[in-house]
Amino acid sequence: MTRPLVRRLGRADYAATLGAMRAFTAARDAGTPDEIWLCEHPPVYTLGVAGQTRHIHDAGQVPVVRTERGGQVTYHGPGQVVAYPLVDLKRLGIYVKEYVYRLERALLATLESVGVTGHRVAGAPGIYVNLADPFGHAARVEPGPDPFAGLGKIAALGVKVTRHCTFHGVALNVAMDLAPFLAIDPCGYAGLRTVDLASLGVAADPEAVATTLGERLAGYLGS
């Protein structure tokens, strides 16, 4: 199996990283090795291609960057692990739906490594935790009209695919200031609570979590 090369970018400016992803994707060809970039961003709000500014209630001094990824609005900041898989889906032999499934599986496996059980919500990409029992292994029972009842979002997902090649990616909240999430409707859902590992009582080092996430992603995205 050929696994993507994992690169650690450290603390990286969002706009500069976005430009680098675009350039990498535009320049690659059928023989370009896949990569996964791991980083942490200074505070920034990002809007997806269909993102609506009404979901940002008060950005304050935090910059807002519009992007071509899917999804609505999210926040990046210190203490959050961001992963950008730059992979050729055609070479991997999968389509976007399977790609998103594998990204979520990597996030679930990373959470499992620190004892947290993550959950999917149909139609709402990302990973959520049961706030009443984040460490329990019971399958989640789908609620009634509110699909987010009792849940907190711990990982966001937004991707872009061009010429079968991916960029943008996932963000996993480890130990961060969660207050900026209160100024937005996370991923466009008013009232959706955002959590991190620290708020669940898990003392995890973001660098260690980044290593685990990079390994899981490389495993699920190897060709």
N, C-alpha and C. Protein backbone atom coordinates (compact mmCIF):
# COMPACT_ATOMS: atom_id res chain seq x y z
N MET A 1 0.84 -1.20 0.00
CA MET A 1 0.00 0.00 0.00
C MET A 1 0.87 1.25 0.00
N THR A 2 0.53 2.21 -0.83
CA THR A 2 1.19 3.51 -0.84
C THR A 2 0.38 4.47 -0.01
N ARG A 3 0.99 4.99 1.05
CA ARG A 3 0.29 5.91 1.94
C ARG A 3 0.67 7.34 1.62
N PRO A 4 -0.24 8.27 1.81
CA PRO A 4 0.11 9.68 1.61
C PRO A 4 1.23 10.12 2.53
N LEU A 5 2.03 11.05 2.08
CA LEU A 5 3.07 11.64 2.89
C LEU A 5 2.44 12.61 3.87
N VAL A 6 2.74 12.48 5.15
CA VAL A 6 2.18 13.38 6.17
C VAL A 6 3.18 14.49 6.46
N ARG A 7 2.74 15.71 6.29
CA ARG A 7 3.58 16.88 6.56
C ARG A 7 3.04 17.66 7.75
N ARG A 8 3.93 18.10 8.64
CA ARG A 8 3.54 18.91 9.80
C ARG A 8 3.90 20.36 9.49
N LEU A 9 2.89 21.22 9.43
CA LEU A 9 3.11 22.63 9.11
C LEU A 9 3.21 23.52 10.33
N GLY A 10 2.87 22.98 11.51
CA GLY A 10 2.89 23.79 12.72
C GLY A 10 1.79 24.84 12.69
N ARG A 11 2.03 26.00 13.35
CA ARG A 11 1.07 27.11 13.32
C ARG A 11 1.18 27.79 11.96
N ALA A 12 0.11 27.77 11.20
CA ALA A 12 0.17 28.25 9.82
C ALA A 12 -0.97 29.22 9.54
N ASP A 13 -0.66 30.33 8.90
CA ASP A 13 -1.68 31.30 8.50
C ASP A 13 -2.69 30.62 7.57
N TYR A 14 -3.98 30.87 7.81
CA TYR A 14 -5.00 30.18 7.02
C TYR A 14 -4.93 30.55 5.55
N ALA A 15 -4.91 31.85 5.24
CA ALA A 15 -4.92 32.28 3.85
C ALA A 15 -3.72 31.75 3.08
N ALA A 16 -2.55 31.77 3.72
CA ALA A 16 -1.35 31.26 3.07
C ALA A 16 -1.45 29.75 2.82
N THR A 17 -2.01 29.04 3.79
CA THR A 17 -2.17 27.60 3.63
C THR A 17 -3.17 27.28 2.53
N LEU A 18 -4.25 28.05 2.47
CA LEU A 18 -5.24 27.87 1.41
C LEU A 18 -4.60 28.09 0.05
N GLY A 19 -3.80 29.13 -0.07
CA GLY A 19 -3.11 29.39 -1.34
C GLY A 19 -2.17 28.26 -1.72
N ALA A 20 -1.49 27.70 -0.72
CA ALA A 20 -0.57 26.59 -0.99
C ALA A 20 -1.32 25.34 -1.43
N MET A 21 -2.49 25.09 -0.82
CA MET A 21 -3.30 23.93 -1.23
C MET A 21 -3.78 24.10 -2.67
N ARG A 22 -4.23 25.29 -3.01
CA ARG A 22 -4.71 25.55 -4.36
C ARG A 22 -3.58 25.35 -5.37
N ALA A 23 -2.40 25.86 -5.03
CA ALA A 23 -1.26 25.74 -5.94
C ALA A 23 -0.84 24.28 -6.11
N PHE A 24 -0.80 23.55 -5.01
CA PHE A 24 -0.43 22.13 -5.07
C PHE A 24 -1.40 21.37 -5.95
N THR A 25 -2.70 21.63 -5.77
CA THR A 25 -3.72 20.90 -6.51
C THR A 25 -3.69 21.27 -7.99
N ALA A 26 -3.46 22.54 -8.29
CA ALA A 26 -3.42 22.97 -9.69
C ALA A 26 -2.21 22.42 -10.42
N ALA A 27 -1.11 22.22 -9.71
CA ALA A 27 0.14 21.80 -10.35
C ALA A 27 0.28 20.28 -10.45
N ARG A 28 -0.50 19.54 -9.66
CA ARG A 28 -0.28 18.09 -9.61
C ARG A 28 -0.75 17.41 -10.89
N ASP A 29 -0.18 16.23 -11.15
CA ASP A 29 -0.61 15.41 -12.27
C ASP A 29 -0.83 14.00 -11.77
N ALA A 30 -1.06 13.07 -12.68
CA ALA A 30 -1.41 11.69 -12.29
C ALA A 30 -0.32 11.00 -11.49
N GLY A 31 0.91 11.51 -11.58
CA GLY A 31 2.00 10.88 -10.85
C GLY A 31 2.37 11.55 -9.55
N THR A 32 1.71 12.65 -9.22
CA THR A 32 2.04 13.38 -7.99
C THR A 32 1.65 12.58 -6.76
N PRO A 33 2.58 12.33 -5.83
CA PRO A 33 2.22 11.61 -4.61
C PRO A 33 1.21 12.38 -3.78
N ASP A 34 0.32 11.66 -3.13
CA ASP A 34 -0.65 12.29 -2.24
C ASP A 34 0.03 12.76 -0.96
N GLU A 35 -0.55 13.78 -0.35
CA GLU A 35 -0.01 14.31 0.91
C GLU A 35 -1.16 14.60 1.88
N ILE A 36 -0.82 14.65 3.16
CA ILE A 36 -1.73 15.10 4.21
C ILE A 36 -1.00 16.18 4.99
N TRP A 37 -1.57 17.36 5.06
CA TRP A 37 -0.97 18.46 5.80
C TRP A 37 -1.67 18.60 7.15
N LEU A 38 -0.88 18.63 8.19
CA LEU A 38 -1.39 18.82 9.55
C LEU A 38 -0.94 20.17 10.07
N CYS A 39 -1.86 20.93 10.65
CA CYS A 39 -1.48 22.26 11.13
C CYS A 39 -2.46 22.75 12.19
N GLU A 40 -2.17 23.94 12.67
CA GLU A 40 -3.03 24.68 13.58
C GLU A 40 -3.09 26.10 13.04
N HIS A 41 -4.25 26.72 13.08
CA HIS A 41 -4.38 28.07 12.54
C HIS A 41 -4.57 29.12 13.64
N PRO A 42 -4.08 30.33 13.43
CA PRO A 42 -4.49 31.45 14.27
C PRO A 42 -6.00 31.65 14.09
N PRO A 43 -6.66 32.38 14.98
CA PRO A 43 -8.12 32.54 14.90
C PRO A 43 -8.60 33.03 13.53
N VAL A 44 -9.60 32.33 12.97
CA VAL A 44 -10.17 32.70 11.68
C VAL A 44 -11.52 32.01 11.52
N TYR A 45 -12.47 32.74 10.94
CA TYR A 45 -13.73 32.13 10.52
C TYR A 45 -13.63 31.85 9.02
N THR A 46 -14.14 30.71 8.60
CA THR A 46 -14.15 30.41 7.18
C THR A 46 -15.57 30.08 6.73
N LEU A 47 -15.90 30.56 5.53
CA LEU A 47 -17.22 30.32 4.94
C LEU A 47 -17.07 29.40 3.74
N GLY A 48 -17.97 28.42 3.63
CA GLY A 48 -17.99 27.54 2.48
C GLY A 48 -18.55 28.25 1.26
N VAL A 49 -18.54 27.53 0.13
CA VAL A 49 -18.94 28.13 -1.14
C VAL A 49 -20.37 28.68 -1.10
N ALA A 50 -21.23 28.02 -0.33
CA ALA A 50 -22.61 28.49 -0.20
C ALA A 50 -22.85 29.16 1.15
N GLY A 51 -21.76 29.48 1.85
CA GLY A 51 -21.87 30.05 3.18
C GLY A 51 -22.58 31.39 3.19
N GLN A 52 -23.42 31.58 4.20
CA GLN A 52 -24.18 32.81 4.32
C GLN A 52 -23.69 33.60 5.53
N THR A 53 -23.42 34.88 5.31
CA THR A 53 -22.87 35.70 6.39
C THR A 53 -23.84 35.86 7.55
N ARG A 54 -25.13 35.59 7.33
CA ARG A 54 -26.08 35.69 8.44
C ARG A 54 -25.79 34.69 9.55
N HIS A 55 -24.99 33.67 9.25
CA HIS A 55 -24.62 32.68 10.26
C HIS A 55 -23.44 33.16 11.11
N ILE A 56 -22.89 34.33 10.79
CA ILE A 56 -21.85 34.95 11.61
C ILE A 56 -22.49 36.13 12.32
N HIS A 57 -22.66 36.03 13.62
CA HIS A 57 -23.37 37.06 14.37
C HIS A 57 -22.47 38.20 14.83
N ASP A 58 -21.22 37.87 15.15
CA ASP A 58 -20.30 38.90 15.61
C ASP A 58 -18.88 38.37 15.48
N ALA A 59 -18.24 38.68 14.36
CA ALA A 59 -16.88 38.20 14.13
C ALA A 59 -15.86 38.94 14.97
N GLY A 60 -16.21 40.12 15.44
CA GLY A 60 -15.26 40.89 16.23
C GLY A 60 -14.00 41.18 15.43
N GLN A 61 -12.86 40.89 16.00
CA GLN A 61 -11.57 41.13 15.34
C GLN A 61 -11.07 39.91 14.59
N VAL A 62 -11.86 38.84 14.57
CA VAL A 62 -11.43 37.62 13.90
C VAL A 62 -11.70 37.74 12.40
N PRO A 63 -10.70 37.52 11.56
CA PRO A 63 -10.92 37.63 10.11
C PRO A 63 -11.88 36.57 9.59
N VAL A 64 -12.59 36.90 8.51
CA VAL A 64 -13.51 35.97 7.86
C VAL A 64 -12.99 35.73 6.44
N VAL A 65 -12.81 34.48 6.08
CA VAL A 65 -12.28 34.12 4.76
C VAL A 65 -13.31 33.26 4.04
N ARG A 66 -13.69 33.67 2.85
CA ARG A 66 -14.60 32.85 2.03
C ARG A 66 -13.77 31.88 1.20
N THR A 67 -14.23 30.63 1.13
CA THR A 67 -13.47 29.59 0.44
C THR A 67 -14.38 28.82 -0.52
N GLU A 68 -13.79 27.88 -1.24
CA GLU A 68 -14.54 27.06 -2.19
C GLU A 68 -14.92 25.69 -1.63
N ARG A 69 -14.68 25.47 -0.35
CA ARG A 69 -15.06 24.18 0.24
C ARG A 69 -16.57 24.08 0.41
N GLY A 70 -17.05 22.88 0.67
CA GLY A 70 -18.45 22.71 1.00
C GLY A 70 -18.73 23.15 2.43
N GLY A 71 -20.00 23.24 2.77
CA GLY A 71 -20.38 23.58 4.13
C GLY A 71 -20.60 25.08 4.33
N GLN A 72 -20.99 25.42 5.55
CA GLN A 72 -21.30 26.80 5.90
C GLN A 72 -20.11 27.47 6.60
N VAL A 73 -20.30 27.90 7.84
CA VAL A 73 -19.26 28.63 8.54
C VAL A 73 -18.68 27.78 9.67
N THR A 74 -17.38 27.91 9.87
CA THR A 74 -16.75 27.29 11.02
C THR A 74 -15.64 28.20 11.52
N TYR A 75 -15.05 27.80 12.63
CA TYR A 75 -13.98 28.58 13.26
C TYR A 75 -12.74 27.69 13.40
N HIS A 76 -11.58 28.26 13.14
CA HIS A 76 -10.31 27.60 13.41
C HIS A 76 -9.53 28.45 14.40
N GLY A 77 -8.82 27.79 15.31
CA GLY A 77 -8.02 28.53 16.26
C GLY A 77 -7.04 27.62 16.97
N PRO A 78 -6.17 28.19 17.80
CA PRO A 78 -5.19 27.41 18.54
C PRO A 78 -5.85 26.32 19.38
N GLY A 79 -5.19 25.18 19.45
CA GLY A 79 -5.72 24.05 20.20
C GLY A 79 -6.62 23.15 19.38
N GLN A 80 -6.73 23.44 18.10
CA GLN A 80 -7.53 22.63 17.17
C GLN A 80 -6.57 22.00 16.16
N VAL A 81 -6.77 20.72 15.89
CA VAL A 81 -5.95 20.02 14.91
C VAL A 81 -6.66 20.05 13.56
N VAL A 82 -5.99 20.60 12.56
CA VAL A 82 -6.55 20.68 11.21
C VAL A 82 -5.76 19.76 10.30
N ALA A 83 -6.46 18.99 9.49
CA ALA A 83 -5.82 18.08 8.54
C ALA A 83 -6.35 18.33 7.15
N TYR A 84 -5.43 18.49 6.20
CA TYR A 84 -5.80 18.72 4.81
C TYR A 84 -5.28 17.57 3.94
N PRO A 85 -6.12 16.59 3.63
CA PRO A 85 -5.69 15.52 2.72
C PRO A 85 -5.72 16.02 1.27
N LEU A 86 -4.63 15.87 0.58
CA LEU A 86 -4.50 16.25 -0.82
C LEU A 86 -4.31 14.95 -1.60
N VAL A 87 -5.41 14.34 -1.98
CA VAL A 87 -5.35 12.99 -2.55
C VAL A 87 -6.08 12.92 -3.89
N ASP A 88 -5.64 11.99 -4.72
CA ASP A 88 -6.23 11.74 -6.03
C ASP A 88 -7.26 10.63 -5.89
N LEU A 89 -8.53 10.99 -5.92
CA LEU A 89 -9.59 9.99 -5.71
C LEU A 89 -9.65 8.99 -6.87
N LYS A 90 -9.32 9.43 -8.06
CA LYS A 90 -9.34 8.51 -9.20
C LYS A 90 -8.31 7.41 -9.01
N ARG A 91 -7.12 7.78 -8.58
CA ARG A 91 -6.08 6.79 -8.32
C ARG A 91 -6.46 5.89 -7.15
N LEU A 92 -7.13 6.47 -6.18
CA LEU A 92 -7.56 5.71 -5.01
C LEU A 92 -8.73 4.79 -5.35
N GLY A 93 -9.46 5.12 -6.41
CA GLY A 93 -10.57 4.28 -6.86
C GLY A 93 -11.85 4.47 -6.07
N ILE A 94 -12.06 5.69 -5.55
CA ILE A 94 -13.27 5.95 -4.78
C ILE A 94 -13.91 7.26 -5.23
N TYR A 95 -15.17 7.45 -4.83
CA TYR A 95 -15.88 8.68 -5.13
C TYR A 95 -16.00 9.52 -3.86
N VAL A 96 -16.60 10.70 -4.00
CA VAL A 96 -16.62 11.66 -2.90
C VAL A 96 -17.34 11.12 -1.67
N LYS A 97 -18.45 10.42 -1.86
CA LYS A 97 -19.19 9.90 -0.71
C LYS A 97 -18.33 8.96 0.12
N GLU A 98 -17.59 8.08 -0.54
CA GLU A 98 -16.71 7.16 0.17
C GLU A 98 -15.55 7.92 0.81
N TYR A 99 -15.05 8.94 0.13
CA TYR A 99 -13.97 9.76 0.68
C TYR A 99 -14.41 10.40 2.00
N VAL A 100 -15.59 11.02 2.01
CA VAL A 100 -16.10 11.64 3.23
C VAL A 100 -16.27 10.59 4.33
N TYR A 101 -16.75 9.42 3.97
CA TYR A 101 -16.90 8.34 4.95
C TYR A 101 -15.55 8.01 5.58
N ARG A 102 -14.51 7.94 4.76
CA ARG A 102 -13.18 7.59 5.30
C ARG A 102 -12.61 8.71 6.17
N LEU A 103 -12.86 9.95 5.79
CA LEU A 103 -12.43 11.05 6.66
C LEU A 103 -13.09 10.94 8.03
N GLU A 104 -14.40 10.70 8.02
CA GLU A 104 -15.11 10.57 9.29
C GLU A 104 -14.63 9.36 10.06
N ARG A 105 -14.32 8.28 9.36
CA ARG A 105 -13.82 7.08 10.06
C ARG A 105 -12.49 7.36 10.74
N ALA A 106 -11.63 8.14 10.09
CA ALA A 106 -10.35 8.50 10.69
C ALA A 106 -10.56 9.35 11.95
N LEU A 107 -11.52 10.27 11.89
CA LEU A 107 -11.84 11.08 13.07
C LEU A 107 -12.38 10.22 14.20
N LEU A 108 -13.28 9.30 13.86
CA LEU A 108 -13.85 8.40 14.88
C LEU A 108 -12.75 7.57 15.53
N ALA A 109 -11.82 7.06 14.73
CA ALA A 109 -10.73 6.24 15.26
C ALA A 109 -9.81 7.07 16.14
N THR A 110 -9.59 8.32 15.77
CA THR A 110 -8.74 9.19 16.58
C THR A 110 -9.39 9.46 17.94
N LEU A 111 -10.69 9.71 17.93
CA LEU A 111 -11.40 9.90 19.20
C LEU A 111 -11.38 8.63 20.03
N GLU A 112 -11.53 7.49 19.39
CA GLU A 112 -11.49 6.21 20.10
C GLU A 112 -10.15 6.03 20.83
N SER A 113 -9.08 6.56 20.24
CA SER A 113 -7.75 6.39 20.84
C SER A 113 -7.62 7.10 22.18
N VAL A 114 -8.51 8.08 22.45
CA VAL A 114 -8.49 8.76 23.75
C VAL A 114 -9.76 8.46 24.55
N GLY A 115 -10.47 7.42 24.13
CA GLY A 115 -11.61 6.93 24.91
C GLY A 115 -12.94 7.59 24.64
N VAL A 116 -13.02 8.43 23.63
CA VAL A 116 -14.26 9.16 23.32
C VAL A 116 -14.98 8.47 22.16
N THR A 117 -16.29 8.33 22.29
CA THR A 117 -17.10 7.74 21.23
C THR A 117 -17.74 8.84 20.40
N GLY A 118 -17.40 8.86 19.12
CA GLY A 118 -17.98 9.84 18.22
C GLY A 118 -19.18 9.27 17.48
N HIS A 119 -19.99 10.14 16.94
CA HIS A 119 -21.19 9.72 16.21
C HIS A 119 -21.32 10.55 14.94
N ARG A 120 -21.92 9.95 13.92
CA ARG A 120 -22.31 10.66 12.72
C ARG A 120 -23.76 11.12 12.86
N VAL A 121 -24.11 12.16 12.12
CA VAL A 121 -25.49 12.60 11.99
C VAL A 121 -25.80 12.64 10.50
N ALA A 122 -26.83 11.92 10.09
CA ALA A 122 -27.17 11.85 8.67
C ALA A 122 -27.41 13.23 8.09
N GLY A 123 -26.76 13.52 6.97
CA GLY A 123 -26.95 14.78 6.30
C GLY A 123 -26.18 15.95 6.88
N ALA A 124 -25.38 15.71 7.92
CA ALA A 124 -24.62 16.79 8.57
C ALA A 124 -23.18 16.31 8.77
N PRO A 125 -22.34 16.44 7.75
CA PRO A 125 -20.96 15.94 7.85
C PRO A 125 -20.24 16.48 9.08
N GLY A 126 -19.35 15.67 9.61
CA GLY A 126 -18.63 16.00 10.82
C GLY A 126 -18.84 14.91 11.84
N ILE A 127 -18.29 15.11 13.04
CA ILE A 127 -18.41 14.11 14.10
C ILE A 127 -18.92 14.79 15.37
N TYR A 128 -19.82 14.10 16.05
CA TYR A 128 -20.51 14.61 17.22
C TYR A 128 -20.32 13.66 18.40
N VAL A 129 -20.53 14.18 19.61
CA VAL A 129 -20.46 13.34 20.80
C VAL A 129 -21.75 13.47 21.60
N ASN A 130 -22.09 12.41 22.28
CA ASN A 130 -23.24 12.39 23.18
C ASN A 130 -22.81 13.09 24.47
N LEU A 131 -23.35 14.27 24.71
CA LEU A 131 -22.90 15.07 25.85
C LEU A 131 -23.19 14.40 27.19
N ALA A 132 -24.22 13.57 27.24
CA ALA A 132 -24.57 12.90 28.49
C ALA A 132 -23.63 11.73 28.78
N ASP A 133 -23.02 11.17 27.75
CA ASP A 133 -22.15 10.00 27.92
C ASP A 133 -21.14 9.92 26.78
N PRO A 134 -20.16 10.83 26.78
CA PRO A 134 -19.22 10.87 25.66
C PRO A 134 -18.29 9.66 25.58
N PHE A 135 -18.22 8.89 26.66
CA PHE A 135 -17.32 7.73 26.69
C PHE A 135 -18.06 6.40 26.52
N GLY A 136 -19.38 6.45 26.48
CA GLY A 136 -20.17 5.23 26.33
C GLY A 136 -20.09 4.69 24.92
N HIS A 137 -20.23 3.38 24.79
CA HIS A 137 -20.08 2.74 23.48
C HIS A 137 -21.41 2.35 22.85
N ALA A 138 -22.49 2.70 23.50
CA ALA A 138 -23.79 2.32 22.95
C ALA A 138 -24.06 3.09 21.65
N ALA A 139 -24.69 2.42 20.72
CA ALA A 139 -25.07 3.08 19.47
C ALA A 139 -26.08 4.18 19.77
N ARG A 140 -25.97 5.26 19.04
CA ARG A 140 -26.87 6.39 19.27
C ARG A 140 -28.24 6.09 18.69
N VAL A 141 -29.28 6.39 19.47
CA VAL A 141 -30.65 6.25 19.00
C VAL A 141 -31.05 7.57 18.35
N GLU A 142 -31.46 7.51 17.10
CA GLU A 142 -31.84 8.73 16.39
C GLU A 142 -33.01 9.41 17.11
N PRO A 143 -32.89 10.73 17.38
CA PRO A 143 -33.94 11.44 18.10
C PRO A 143 -35.11 11.77 17.18
N GLY A 144 -36.01 12.60 17.68
CA GLY A 144 -37.17 13.02 16.90
C GLY A 144 -36.82 14.13 15.94
N PRO A 145 -37.52 15.25 16.00
CA PRO A 145 -37.34 16.30 15.00
C PRO A 145 -36.00 17.02 15.05
N ASP A 146 -35.32 17.02 16.20
CA ASP A 146 -34.02 17.69 16.31
C ASP A 146 -32.90 16.66 16.22
N PRO A 147 -32.21 16.59 15.09
CA PRO A 147 -31.16 15.56 14.93
C PRO A 147 -29.94 15.79 15.82
N PHE A 148 -29.83 17.00 16.40
CA PHE A 148 -28.68 17.33 17.23
C PHE A 148 -28.99 17.29 18.73
N ALA A 149 -30.18 16.82 19.09
CA ALA A 149 -30.57 16.77 20.50
C ALA A 149 -29.55 15.99 21.31
N GLY A 150 -29.01 16.61 22.36
CA GLY A 150 -28.07 15.94 23.24
C GLY A 150 -26.67 15.81 22.70
N LEU A 151 -26.39 16.43 21.55
CA LEU A 151 -25.08 16.27 20.92
C LEU A 151 -24.26 17.56 20.98
N GLY A 152 -22.95 17.39 20.94
CA GLY A 152 -22.02 18.50 20.74
C GLY A 152 -21.12 18.15 19.57
N LYS A 153 -20.79 19.14 18.77
CA LYS A 153 -19.93 18.89 17.60
C LYS A 153 -18.47 19.03 18.00
N ILE A 154 -17.68 18.02 17.70
CA ILE A 154 -16.27 18.03 18.09
C ILE A 154 -15.35 18.08 16.89
N ALA A 155 -15.86 17.78 15.71
CA ALA A 155 -15.02 17.80 14.50
C ALA A 155 -15.84 18.26 13.31
N ALA A 156 -15.27 19.17 12.52
CA ALA A 156 -15.93 19.70 11.33
C ALA A 156 -15.26 19.14 10.08
N LEU A 157 -16.02 19.12 9.00
CA LEU A 157 -15.52 18.57 7.74
C LEU A 157 -16.03 19.43 6.59
N GLY A 158 -15.11 19.80 5.71
CA GLY A 158 -15.48 20.56 4.52
C GLY A 158 -14.46 20.29 3.44
N VAL A 159 -14.89 19.81 2.29
CA VAL A 159 -13.94 19.41 1.25
C VAL A 159 -14.25 20.07 -0.08
N LYS A 160 -13.25 20.04 -0.93
CA LYS A 160 -13.38 20.48 -2.31
C LYS A 160 -12.67 19.45 -3.19
N VAL A 161 -13.31 19.09 -4.29
CA VAL A 161 -12.71 18.15 -5.22
C VAL A 161 -12.67 18.79 -6.60
N THR A 162 -11.50 18.84 -7.20
CA THR A 162 -11.35 19.37 -8.55
C THR A 162 -10.46 18.43 -9.34
N ARG A 163 -10.89 18.04 -10.51
CA ARG A 163 -10.18 17.06 -11.35
C ARG A 163 -9.85 15.80 -10.56
N HIS A 164 -10.80 15.35 -9.77
CA HIS A 164 -10.68 14.15 -8.93
C HIS A 164 -9.73 14.32 -7.75
N CYS A 165 -9.20 15.51 -7.54
CA CYS A 165 -8.22 15.72 -6.47
C CYS A 165 -8.82 16.57 -5.36
N THR A 166 -8.53 16.19 -4.12
CA THR A 166 -9.14 16.82 -2.96
C THR A 166 -8.24 17.88 -2.34
N PHE A 167 -8.88 18.88 -1.75
CA PHE A 167 -8.20 19.76 -0.80
C PHE A 167 -9.23 20.27 0.20
N HIS A 168 -8.82 21.14 1.12
CA HIS A 168 -9.55 21.42 2.36
C HIS A 168 -9.58 20.12 3.17
N GLY A 169 -10.42 20.00 4.20
CA GLY A 169 -10.33 18.78 5.00
C GLY A 169 -11.14 18.78 6.27
N VAL A 170 -10.47 18.47 7.40
CA VAL A 170 -11.18 18.28 8.67
C VAL A 170 -10.50 19.06 9.78
N ALA A 171 -11.27 19.36 10.83
CA ALA A 171 -10.74 20.05 12.00
C ALA A 171 -11.29 19.38 13.25
N LEU A 172 -10.39 19.00 14.15
CA LEU A 172 -10.77 18.30 15.38
C LEU A 172 -10.41 19.18 16.57
N ASN A 173 -11.40 19.45 17.41
CA ASN A 173 -11.21 20.34 18.56
C ASN A 173 -10.59 19.58 19.72
N VAL A 174 -9.42 20.03 20.16
CA VAL A 174 -8.69 19.33 21.22
C VAL A 174 -8.73 20.12 22.53
N ALA A 175 -8.09 21.27 22.55
CA ALA A 175 -8.05 22.09 23.77
C ALA A 175 -7.97 23.54 23.34
N MET A 176 -9.12 24.14 23.10
CA MET A 176 -9.15 25.48 22.52
C MET A 176 -10.13 26.39 23.24
N ASP A 177 -10.06 27.67 22.94
CA ASP A 177 -11.04 28.63 23.41
C ASP A 177 -12.29 28.44 22.55
N LEU A 178 -13.37 27.96 23.15
CA LEU A 178 -14.59 27.67 22.39
C LEU A 178 -15.50 28.89 22.23
N ALA A 179 -15.17 30.00 22.90
CA ALA A 179 -16.04 31.17 22.86
C ALA A 179 -16.34 31.66 21.45
N PRO A 180 -15.36 31.66 20.52
CA PRO A 180 -15.67 32.15 19.16
C PRO A 180 -16.77 31.38 18.46
N PHE A 181 -17.00 30.14 18.84
CA PHE A 181 -18.09 29.37 18.24
C PHE A 181 -19.46 29.93 18.63
N LEU A 182 -19.51 30.64 19.77
CA LEU A 182 -20.77 31.20 20.22
C LEU A 182 -21.22 32.37 19.35
N ALA A 183 -20.30 32.91 18.56
CA ALA A 183 -20.62 34.05 17.70
C ALA A 183 -21.10 33.63 16.32
N ILE A 184 -21.21 32.32 16.09
CA ILE A 184 -21.66 31.82 14.79
C ILE A 184 -22.70 30.71 14.99
N ASP A 185 -23.36 30.35 13.89
CA ASP A 185 -24.17 29.14 13.85
C ASP A 185 -23.26 28.07 13.26
N PRO A 186 -22.62 27.24 14.10
CA PRO A 186 -21.62 26.30 13.58
C PRO A 186 -22.18 25.44 12.45
N CYS A 187 -21.49 25.51 11.30
CA CYS A 187 -21.91 24.76 10.11
C CYS A 187 -23.34 25.11 9.67
N GLY A 188 -23.80 26.30 10.10
CA GLY A 188 -25.12 26.77 9.69
C GLY A 188 -26.26 26.34 10.58
N TYR A 189 -25.96 25.68 11.71
CA TYR A 189 -27.01 25.18 12.60
C TYR A 189 -27.09 26.05 13.86
N ALA A 190 -28.12 26.86 13.96
CA ALA A 190 -28.29 27.73 15.12
C ALA A 190 -28.46 26.90 16.38
N GLY A 191 -27.70 27.26 17.41
CA GLY A 191 -27.83 26.59 18.69
C GLY A 191 -27.01 25.32 18.83
N LEU A 192 -26.34 24.90 17.77
CA LEU A 192 -25.52 23.68 17.85
C LEU A 192 -24.34 23.93 18.78
N ARG A 193 -24.20 23.11 19.78
CA ARG A 193 -23.11 23.28 20.74
C ARG A 193 -21.82 22.70 20.17
N THR A 194 -20.73 23.42 20.38
CA THR A 194 -19.41 22.94 19.96
C THR A 194 -18.60 22.60 21.20
N VAL A 195 -17.92 21.46 21.17
CA VAL A 195 -17.13 21.01 22.30
C VAL A 195 -15.72 20.64 21.83
N ASP A 196 -14.84 20.46 22.79
CA ASP A 196 -13.51 19.92 22.49
C ASP A 196 -13.19 18.83 23.49
N LEU A 197 -12.07 18.17 23.30
CA LEU A 197 -11.70 17.09 24.22
C LEU A 197 -11.54 17.61 25.64
N ALA A 198 -10.98 18.81 25.79
CA ALA A 198 -10.77 19.36 27.13
C ALA A 198 -12.09 19.56 27.86
N SER A 199 -13.12 20.05 27.16
CA SER A 199 -14.41 20.28 27.82
C SER A 199 -15.11 18.97 28.17
N LEU A 200 -14.66 17.87 27.56
CA LEU A 200 -15.19 16.55 27.91
C LEU A 200 -14.40 15.91 29.05
N GLY A 201 -13.36 16.61 29.51
CA GLY A 201 -12.54 16.08 30.60
C GLY A 201 -11.35 15.28 30.13
N VAL A 202 -11.04 15.34 28.86
CA VAL A 202 -9.90 14.59 28.32
C VAL A 202 -8.71 15.52 28.16
N ALA A 203 -7.65 15.25 28.90
CA ALA A 203 -6.43 16.05 28.81
C ALA A 203 -5.54 15.45 27.72
N ALA A 204 -5.64 16.00 26.52
CA ALA A 204 -4.89 15.47 25.39
C ALA A 204 -4.00 16.55 24.81
N ASP A 205 -2.82 16.16 24.38
CA ASP A 205 -1.88 17.08 23.75
C ASP A 205 -2.23 17.20 22.27
N PRO A 206 -2.50 18.42 21.77
CA PRO A 206 -2.85 18.58 20.36
C PRO A 206 -1.83 17.95 19.41
N GLU A 207 -0.55 18.04 19.76
CA GLU A 207 0.48 17.46 18.88
C GLU A 207 0.33 15.94 18.80
N ALA A 208 0.02 15.31 19.93
CA ALA A 208 -0.16 13.86 19.94
C ALA A 208 -1.42 13.47 19.17
N VAL A 209 -2.47 14.27 19.34
CA VAL A 209 -3.70 13.99 18.61
C VAL A 209 -3.48 14.17 17.11
N ALA A 210 -2.70 15.18 16.74
CA ALA A 210 -2.39 15.39 15.32
C ALA A 210 -1.65 14.19 14.74
N THR A 211 -0.72 13.65 15.51
CA THR A 211 0.02 12.47 15.04
C THR A 211 -0.92 11.30 14.79
N THR A 212 -1.83 11.07 15.74
CA THR A 212 -2.78 9.97 15.59
C THR A 212 -3.70 10.20 14.39
N LEU A 213 -4.23 11.41 14.26
CA LEU A 213 -5.12 11.70 13.14
C LEU A 213 -4.39 11.53 11.81
N GLY A 214 -3.17 12.00 11.73
CA GLY A 214 -2.40 11.85 10.50
C GLY A 214 -2.19 10.39 10.15
N GLU A 215 -1.90 9.56 11.15
CA GLU A 215 -1.71 8.14 10.91
C GLU A 215 -3.00 7.47 10.45
N ARG A 216 -4.11 7.83 11.10
CA ARG A 216 -5.38 7.22 10.71
C ARG A 216 -5.78 7.64 9.29
N LEU A 217 -5.62 8.91 8.99
CA LEU A 217 -5.95 9.38 7.64
C LEU A 217 -5.09 8.70 6.59
N ALA A 218 -3.80 8.60 6.87
CA ALA A 218 -2.89 7.97 5.91
C ALA A 218 -3.29 6.51 5.67
N GLY A 219 -3.74 5.83 6.74
CA GLY A 219 -4.15 4.46 6.60
C GLY A 219 -5.41 4.31 5.76
N TYR A 220 -6.38 5.16 6.02
CA TYR A 220 -7.67 5.05 5.30
C TYR A 220 -7.59 5.60 3.87
N LEU A 221 -6.57 6.41 3.60
CA LEU A 221 -6.45 7.02 2.28
C LEU A 221 -5.28 6.47 1.47
N GLY A 222 -4.71 5.38 1.93
CA GLY A 222 -3.63 4.74 1.17
C GLY A 222 -4.17 3.99 -0.04
N SER A 223 -3.37 3.93 -1.08
CA SER A 223 -3.82 3.25 -2.30
C SER A 223 -2.95 2.04 -2.61
